[in-house]
Protein backbone atom coordinates (compact mmCIF):
# COMPACT_ATOMS: atom_id res chain seq x y z
CA MET A 1 1.93 -20.23 -16.47
CA ILE A 2 -1.23 -18.38 -15.58
CA ASP A 3 -2.81 -19.11 -12.29
CA ASP A 4 -6.48 -20.32 -12.86
CA ASN A 5 -7.69 -18.84 -9.59
CA ASN A 6 -6.21 -15.42 -10.30
CA TYR A 7 -7.53 -15.46 -13.94
CA THR A 8 -10.99 -16.24 -12.44
CA ASP A 9 -10.83 -13.51 -9.76
CA LEU A 10 -9.68 -11.05 -12.29
CA THR A 11 -12.57 -12.07 -14.70
CA LYS A 12 -14.99 -11.69 -11.91
CA GLU A 13 -13.57 -8.37 -11.02
CA LYS A 14 -13.81 -7.17 -14.40
CA ASP A 15 -17.58 -8.20 -14.58
CA TRP A 16 -18.18 -6.43 -11.23
CA ILE A 17 -16.70 -3.14 -12.57
CA GLU A 18 -18.64 -3.31 -15.76
CA GLN A 19 -21.74 -3.96 -13.94
CA SER A 20 -21.06 -1.21 -11.38
CA LYS A 21 -20.78 1.40 -14.20
CA ILE A 22 -24.55 0.53 -14.87
CA ASP A 23 -25.80 -0.08 -11.38
CA THR A 24 -24.09 1.00 -8.47
CA ALA A 25 -25.38 -1.87 -6.39
CA ALA A 26 -23.08 -4.10 -8.42
CA PHE A 27 -20.21 -2.41 -6.63
CA GLU A 28 -20.86 -4.29 -3.33
CA PRO A 29 -18.68 -7.44 -4.09
CA LEU A 30 -15.69 -5.17 -4.82
CA TYR A 31 -16.47 -3.29 -1.72
CA THR A 32 -16.71 -6.62 0.36
CA LYS A 33 -13.50 -8.00 -1.22
CA TYR A 34 -11.40 -4.91 -0.53
CA ASN A 35 -12.69 -3.04 2.36
CA ASN A 36 -10.67 -4.68 5.13
CA GLU A 37 -7.43 -4.62 3.21
CA ILE A 38 -7.82 -0.90 2.44
CA TYR A 39 -8.92 -0.13 5.91
CA ARG A 40 -5.70 -1.92 7.35
CA TYR A 41 -3.59 -0.06 4.77
CA ILE A 42 -5.01 3.32 6.16
CA PHE A 43 -4.84 2.44 9.66
CA ARG A 44 -1.30 1.55 9.58
CA ARG A 45 -0.62 5.06 7.99
CA THR A 46 -2.70 6.89 10.46
CA GLY A 47 -2.97 4.72 13.71
CA ARG A 48 -6.43 6.12 14.42
CA GLU A 49 -9.64 3.93 13.97
CA ASN A 50 -12.01 6.87 13.40
CA LEU A 51 -9.78 8.64 10.87
CA SER A 52 -9.10 5.19 9.06
CA GLU A 53 -12.80 4.52 8.87
CA GLU A 54 -13.46 8.08 7.38
CA LEU A 55 -10.51 7.85 4.73
CA CYS A 56 -11.69 4.30 3.85
CA ALA A 57 -15.13 5.38 3.31
CA GLU A 58 -13.88 8.33 1.19
CA THR A 59 -11.74 5.90 -0.65
CA PHE A 60 -14.63 3.71 -1.70
CA TYR A 61 -16.89 6.75 -2.29
CA LYS A 62 -14.39 8.14 -4.87
CA ALA A 63 -14.09 4.78 -6.38
CA LEU A 64 -17.56 4.41 -6.89
CA SER A 65 -18.21 7.87 -7.95
CA ASN A 66 -15.48 7.43 -10.63
CA ILE A 67 -16.06 3.98 -11.75
CA LYS A 68 -17.40 4.87 -15.15
CA LYS A 69 -13.89 6.43 -15.98
CA TYR A 70 -12.13 3.38 -14.75
CA THR A 71 -10.37 1.50 -17.63
CA TRP A 72 -9.77 -2.24 -17.13
CA ARG A 73 -6.07 -3.17 -17.48
CA GLU A 74 -6.10 -6.76 -16.23
CA ILE A 75 -4.80 -6.06 -12.80
CA PRO A 76 -6.50 -6.35 -9.49
CA PHE A 77 -9.10 -3.41 -8.91
CA GLY A 78 -7.44 -3.18 -5.47
CA ASN A 79 -4.45 -1.42 -6.91
CA TRP A 80 -6.70 1.28 -8.00
CA LEU A 81 -8.15 1.50 -4.47
CA TYR A 82 -4.74 1.62 -2.97
CA THR A 83 -3.82 4.64 -5.27
CA ILE A 84 -6.91 6.50 -3.99
CA ALA A 85 -6.38 5.60 -0.42
CA ALA A 86 -2.75 6.75 -0.66
CA ASN A 87 -3.93 10.19 -2.07
CA GLU A 88 -6.58 10.37 0.49
CA ILE A 89 -4.16 9.81 3.31
CA LYS A 90 -1.71 12.27 1.72
CA LYS A 91 -4.39 14.82 1.37
CA HIS A 92 -5.28 14.50 4.92
CA PHE A 93 -1.79 14.95 6.28
CA ARG A 94 -1.07 17.79 4.01
CA ASN A 95 -4.18 19.67 5.39
CA SER A 96 -3.84 18.80 8.84
CA LYS A 97 -0.03 19.03 9.04
CA GLU A 98 0.04 15.79 11.12
CA MET A 99 2.66 13.18 10.62
CA PHE A 100 2.55 9.54 8.93
CA ILE A 101 2.64 6.94 11.42
CA ILE A 102 3.98 3.33 11.01
CA GLU A 103 3.30 0.58 13.31
CA ILE A 104 6.88 -0.30 14.15
CA ASP A 105 5.74 -3.19 16.54
CA LYS A 106 4.34 -4.99 13.56
CA MET A 107 7.67 -5.22 11.84
CA GLN A 108 9.09 -7.22 14.58
CA GLU A 109 6.33 -10.05 13.65
CA GLN A 110 6.81 -9.61 9.83
CA VAL A 111 9.59 -9.86 7.45
CA PRO A 112 12.95 -8.77 8.77
CA LEU A 113 13.49 -6.68 5.64
CA GLU A 114 15.38 -9.56 4.08
CA GLY A 115 17.98 -9.78 6.72
CA ILE A 116 19.22 -6.12 6.68
CA ILE A 117 17.71 -5.09 10.05
CA GLU A 118 17.34 -8.38 11.91
CA GLN A 119 18.71 -7.57 15.38
CA VAL A 120 18.07 -3.79 15.30
CA GLU A 121 16.42 -1.98 18.37
CA VAL A 122 12.89 -0.48 17.72
CA GLU A 123 14.35 3.13 18.43
CA GLU A 124 17.09 2.50 15.81
CA LEU A 125 14.70 1.30 13.28
CA VAL A 126 12.41 4.51 13.74
CA TRP A 127 15.48 6.52 13.28
CA VAL A 128 16.39 4.90 10.04
CA LEU A 129 12.75 5.16 8.69
CA GLU A 130 12.86 8.83 9.69
CA GLN A 131 15.87 9.23 7.43
CA LEU A 132 13.90 8.10 4.40
CA SER A 133 11.98 10.30 1.82
CA ASP A 134 8.15 9.94 1.67
CA PHE A 135 8.50 7.78 -1.48
CA GLU A 136 11.16 5.59 0.10
CA LEU A 137 9.01 5.05 3.27
CA HIS A 138 6.07 4.14 1.14
CA LEU A 139 8.06 1.77 -0.93
CA ILE A 140 9.11 -0.02 2.37
CA GLU A 141 5.70 -0.04 3.61
CA LEU A 142 4.05 -1.46 0.56
CA LYS A 143 6.78 -4.18 0.22
CA TYR A 144 7.33 -5.14 3.76
CA PHE A 145 4.17 -4.15 5.88
CA GLU A 146 1.62 -4.72 3.12
CA GLU A 147 3.39 -7.59 1.69
CA LYS A 148 2.98 -6.71 -1.81
CA THR A 149 4.91 -8.50 -4.57
CA PHE A 150 7.40 -6.37 -6.59
CA LYS A 151 5.09 -6.36 -9.30
CA GLU A 152 2.22 -4.98 -7.29
CA VAL A 153 4.37 -2.31 -5.79
CA GLY A 154 5.35 -1.32 -9.38
CA LEU A 155 1.78 -1.11 -10.46
CA LEU A 156 0.89 1.08 -7.46
CA LEU A 157 3.93 3.47 -7.94
CA LYS A 158 3.76 3.35 -11.61
CA MET A 159 7.09 1.84 -12.00
CA LYS A 160 8.51 -1.18 -13.80
CA GLU A 161 8.91 -4.26 -11.58
CA SER A 162 12.80 -4.30 -12.23
CA ALA A 163 12.95 -0.64 -11.17
CA VAL A 164 10.99 -1.60 -7.90
CA LYS A 165 13.45 -4.68 -7.27
CA MET A 166 16.66 -2.19 -7.88
CA ARG A 167 15.19 0.76 -5.96
CA THR A 168 14.32 -1.73 -2.89
CA TYR A 169 17.68 -3.41 -3.02
CA ARG A 170 19.41 0.01 -3.02
CA LEU A 171 17.41 1.22 -0.27
CA LEU A 172 17.98 -1.80 1.96
CA LEU A 173 21.72 -1.25 1.53
CA THR A 174 21.33 2.32 2.28
CA MET A 175 19.37 1.34 5.47
CA ARG A 176 22.08 -1.02 6.35
CA GLU A 177 24.76 1.70 5.88
CA LEU A 178 22.75 4.08 7.99
CA ILE A 179 22.60 1.59 10.92
CA SER A 180 26.30 0.87 10.51
CA SER A 181 27.16 4.34 10.54
CA LYS A 182 25.23 4.88 13.87
CA HIS A 183 27.11 2.06 15.58
CA ASP A 184 30.66 3.54 14.51
C-alpha cells in the first residue's frame, strides 16, 4: 500500500526539483526541508560546528549547481544530498588527513544495535567500531545513528535492500564476536 503522505511529499519534491532547474530560487523548499538533517549527518561525522556548516553549505551548493543533471527516480531528494555530503566529508578527511568521528554518547540514547551490544562499555564499543572498515562504519552509522531504513541505506550505498539487511546482520554478528573475543 502506498503511503499518501509519502507520495505527496515525493510529488512536491519532484515539482521543486523541476522548478529549480529553471529558477534557482525554487530550490529554497528543498534546502529548508533537508538543511538540518544534512547538517546533523555531517556534524556526527566531523564533531565540529564550523566545519559542519562549511561542508553542509558546500553540499547544497553542489546540489544546486548540478540540479540540471539530476534525474528523478521517485526516491527522496535527500538521498542525493546524503551522497554529496558523504563525498564532501571523505574529500575533506582525505585532504586534511584527519579522522572520522562518531558520537558514541549518542549511541547509548538510541537503538542498542538490535541487542548485539546492549551492556558494552563505551571504550569497548569504540574499540569494536575501530575494527570496522570505512564502509562497515558508514553502514552502521546510516542504520543506527541516522536511523535510516534498510531501503534508504540501500539507495544511499547503491545496494539492494536484501543485501543491506544481510550485510548488517553479518556485521552485527561480527561485532558480537569481537566483543566476545575481547572478554575471553
